[in-house]
C-alpha atoms as a PDB file:
ATOM      1  CA  UNK A   1      82.920 139.909 -31.159  1.00  0.00           C
ATOM      2  CA  UNK A   2      79.590 139.231 -32.842  1.00  0.00           C
ATOM      3  CA  UNK A   3      79.206 136.252 -35.152  1.00  0.00           C
ATOM      4  CA  UNK A   4      76.567 135.577 -37.777  1.00  0.00           C
ATOM      5  CA  UNK A   5      74.741 132.392 -36.720  1.00  0.00           C
ATOM      6  CA  UNK A   6      72.377 132.299 -39.717  1.00  0.00           C
ATOM      7  CA  UNK A   7      73.832 129.336 -41.661  1.00  0.00           C
ATOM      8  CA  UNK A   8      73.996 125.823 -40.196  1.00  0.00           C
ATOM      9  CA  UNK A   9      77.381 124.141 -40.123  1.00  0.00           C
ATOM     10  CA  UNK A  10      79.012 121.677 -37.718  1.00  0.00           C
ATOM     11  CA  UNK A  11      81.768 124.221 -36.876  1.00  0.00           C
ATOM     12  CA  UNK A  12      79.279 126.337 -34.908  1.00  0.00           C
ATOM     13  CA  UNK A  13      77.382 123.579 -33.087  1.00  0.00           C
ATOM     14  CA  UNK A  14      77.384 123.897 -29.320  1.00  0.00           C
ATOM     15  CA  UNK A  15      76.011 121.729 -26.540  1.00  0.00           C
ATOM     16  CA  UNK A  16      72.833 123.191 -25.044  1.00  0.00           C
ATOM     17  CA  UNK A  17      73.096 122.849 -21.275  1.00  0.00           C
ATOM     18  CA  UNK A  18      69.382 123.328 -20.537  1.00  0.00           C
ATOM     19  CA  UNK A  19      68.186 120.817 -23.181  1.00  0.00           C
ATOM     20  CA  UNK A  20      65.468 118.720 -21.523  1.00  0.00           C
ATOM     21  CA  UNK A  21      66.170 115.697 -23.765  1.00  0.00           C
ATOM     22  CA  UNK A  22      63.940 113.793 -26.183  1.00  0.00           C
ATOM     23  CA  UNK A  23      60.542 112.681 -24.905  1.00  0.00           C
ATOM     24  CA  UNK A  24      57.123 111.427 -25.911  1.00  0.00           C
ATOM     25  CA  UNK A  25      54.952 114.246 -27.219  1.00  0.00           C
ATOM     26  CA  UNK A  26      51.771 115.358 -28.918  1.00  0.00           C
ATOM     27  CA  UNK A  27      50.450 118.373 -30.791  1.00  0.00           C
ATOM     28  CA  UNK A  28      47.619 120.038 -28.951  1.00  0.00           C
ATOM     29  CA  UNK A  29      47.561 123.382 -30.781  1.00  0.00           C
ATOM     30  CA  UNK A  30      48.877 125.233 -33.813  1.00  0.00           C
ATOM     31  CA  UNK A  31      52.598 126.124 -33.862  1.00  0.00           C
ATOM     32  CA  UNK A  32      53.265 129.278 -31.854  1.00  0.00           C
ATOM     33  CA  UNK A  33      55.967 131.966 -32.037  1.00  0.00           C
ATOM     34  CA  UNK A  34      58.027 132.018 -28.820  1.00  0.00           C
ATOM     35  CA  UNK A  35      61.260 133.315 -27.272  1.00  0.00           C
ATOM     36  CA  UNK A  36      63.418 130.555 -25.870  1.00  0.00           C
ATOM     37  CA  UNK A  37      66.197 130.736 -23.295  1.00  0.00           C
ATOM     38  CA  UNK A  38      69.098 128.527 -24.388  1.00  0.00           C
ATOM     39  CA  UNK A  39      72.271 128.060 -22.371  1.00  0.00           C
ATOM     40  CA  UNK A  40      75.060 127.260 -24.828  1.00  0.00           C
ATOM     41  CA  UNK A  41      78.243 125.524 -23.744  1.00  0.00           C
ATOM     42  CA  UNK A  42      80.548 128.327 -24.970  1.00  0.00           C
ATOM     43  CA  UNK A  43      78.263 131.349 -25.490  1.00  0.00           C
ATOM     44  CA  UNK A  44      76.258 131.043 -22.264  1.00  0.00           C
ATOM     45  CA  UNK A  45      72.651 132.244 -21.933  1.00  0.00           C
ATOM     46  CA  UNK A  46      70.960 133.501 -25.111  1.00  0.00           C
ATOM     47  CA  UNK A  47      67.294 134.318 -25.837  1.00  0.00           C
ATOM     48  CA  UNK A  48      66.279 133.273 -29.375  1.00  0.00           C
ATOM     49  CA  UNK A  49      63.094 133.545 -31.417  1.00  0.00           C
ATOM     50  CA  UNK A  50      61.624 130.192 -32.398  1.00  0.00           C
ATOM     51  CA  UNK A  51      58.443 128.227 -32.993  1.00  0.00           C
ATOM     52  CA  UNK A  52      56.925 125.901 -30.395  1.00  0.00           C
ATOM     53  CA  UNK A  53      55.578 122.887 -32.285  1.00  0.00           C
ATOM     54  CA  UNK A  54      55.132 120.069 -29.754  1.00  0.00           C
ATOM     55  CA  UNK A  55      54.265 119.565 -26.116  1.00  0.00           C
ATOM     56  CA  UNK A  56      55.777 116.738 -24.084  1.00  0.00           C
ATOM     57  CA  UNK A  57      53.579 114.621 -21.841  1.00  0.00           C
ATOM     58  CA  UNK A  58      55.540 116.071 -18.893  1.00  0.00           C
ATOM     59  CA  UNK A  59      55.032 119.708 -19.995  1.00  0.00           C
ATOM     60  CA  UNK A  60      58.321 120.198 -21.863  1.00  0.00           C
ATOM     61  CA  UNK A  61      58.060 122.269 -25.057  1.00  0.00           C
ATOM     62  CA  UNK A  62      59.797 121.531 -28.376  1.00  0.00           C
ATOM     63  CA  UNK A  63      61.088 124.765 -29.905  1.00  0.00           C
ATOM     64  CA  UNK A  64      62.325 124.819 -33.491  1.00  0.00           C
ATOM     65  CA  UNK A  65      65.239 127.205 -34.011  1.00  0.00           C
ATOM     66  CA  UNK A  66      67.178 128.274 -37.086  1.00  0.00           C
ATOM     67  CA  UNK A  67      70.280 129.284 -35.100  1.00  0.00           C
ATOM     68  CA  UNK A  68      73.316 127.452 -36.458  1.00  0.00           C
ATOM     69  CA  UNK A  69      74.627 126.697 -32.974  1.00  0.00           C
ATOM     70  CA  UNK A  70      71.675 124.286 -32.573  1.00  0.00           C
ATOM     71  CA  UNK A  71      72.704 120.933 -34.073  1.00  0.00           C
ATOM     72  CA  UNK A  72      69.172 119.577 -34.604  1.00  0.00           C
ATOM     73  CA  UNK A  73      65.985 121.184 -35.941  1.00  0.00           C
ATOM     74  CA  UNK A  74      65.140 122.317 -32.415  1.00  0.00           C
ATOM     75  CA  UNK A  75      65.409 121.621 -28.715  1.00  0.00           C
ATOM     76  CA  UNK A  76      63.197 120.389 -25.870  1.00  0.00           C
ATOM     77  CA  UNK A  77      62.979 122.965 -23.071  1.00  0.00           C
ATOM     78  CA  UNK A  78      61.158 123.154 -19.770  1.00  0.00           C
ATOM     79  CA  UNK A  79      58.317 125.743 -19.665  1.00  0.00           C
ATOM     80  CA  UNK A  80      60.353 128.186 -17.522  1.00  0.00           C
ATOM     81  CA  UNK A  81      62.780 128.563 -20.463  1.00  0.00           C
ATOM     82  CA  UNK A  82      60.074 129.495 -22.994  1.00  0.00           C
ATOM     83  CA  UNK A  83      58.117 132.771 -23.209  1.00  0.00           C
ATOM     84  CA  UNK A  84      55.143 133.558 -25.426  1.00  0.00           C
ATOM     85  CA  UNK A  85      52.752 136.501 -25.664  1.00  0.00           C
ATOM     86  CA  UNK A  86      50.105 136.183 -22.983  1.00  0.00           C
ATOM     87  CA  UNK A  87      52.137 133.886 -20.728  1.00  0.00           C
ATOM     88  CA  UNK A  88      51.652 134.670 -17.051  1.00  0.00           C
ATOM     89  CA  UNK A  89      54.871 135.949 -15.502  1.00  0.00           C
END
């Protein structure tokens, strides 16, 4: 069964198991289009398109996502969970 996750609503929110948690951050470059690996509580692993907007002092990356399963504007992820064009594999 495929659901439309385009519109935000509390009914669809899910805990993100690989959320790195809030942290101190800075902007060191322009926002960048990325693909982010999120592990949802009920739906499991999903790769979503998003925009990386902040970098944590420890290397974590803040990715904004418009998926309605994401309760906030985005999520902090460790670099292994974020892919961008030109990233070394």
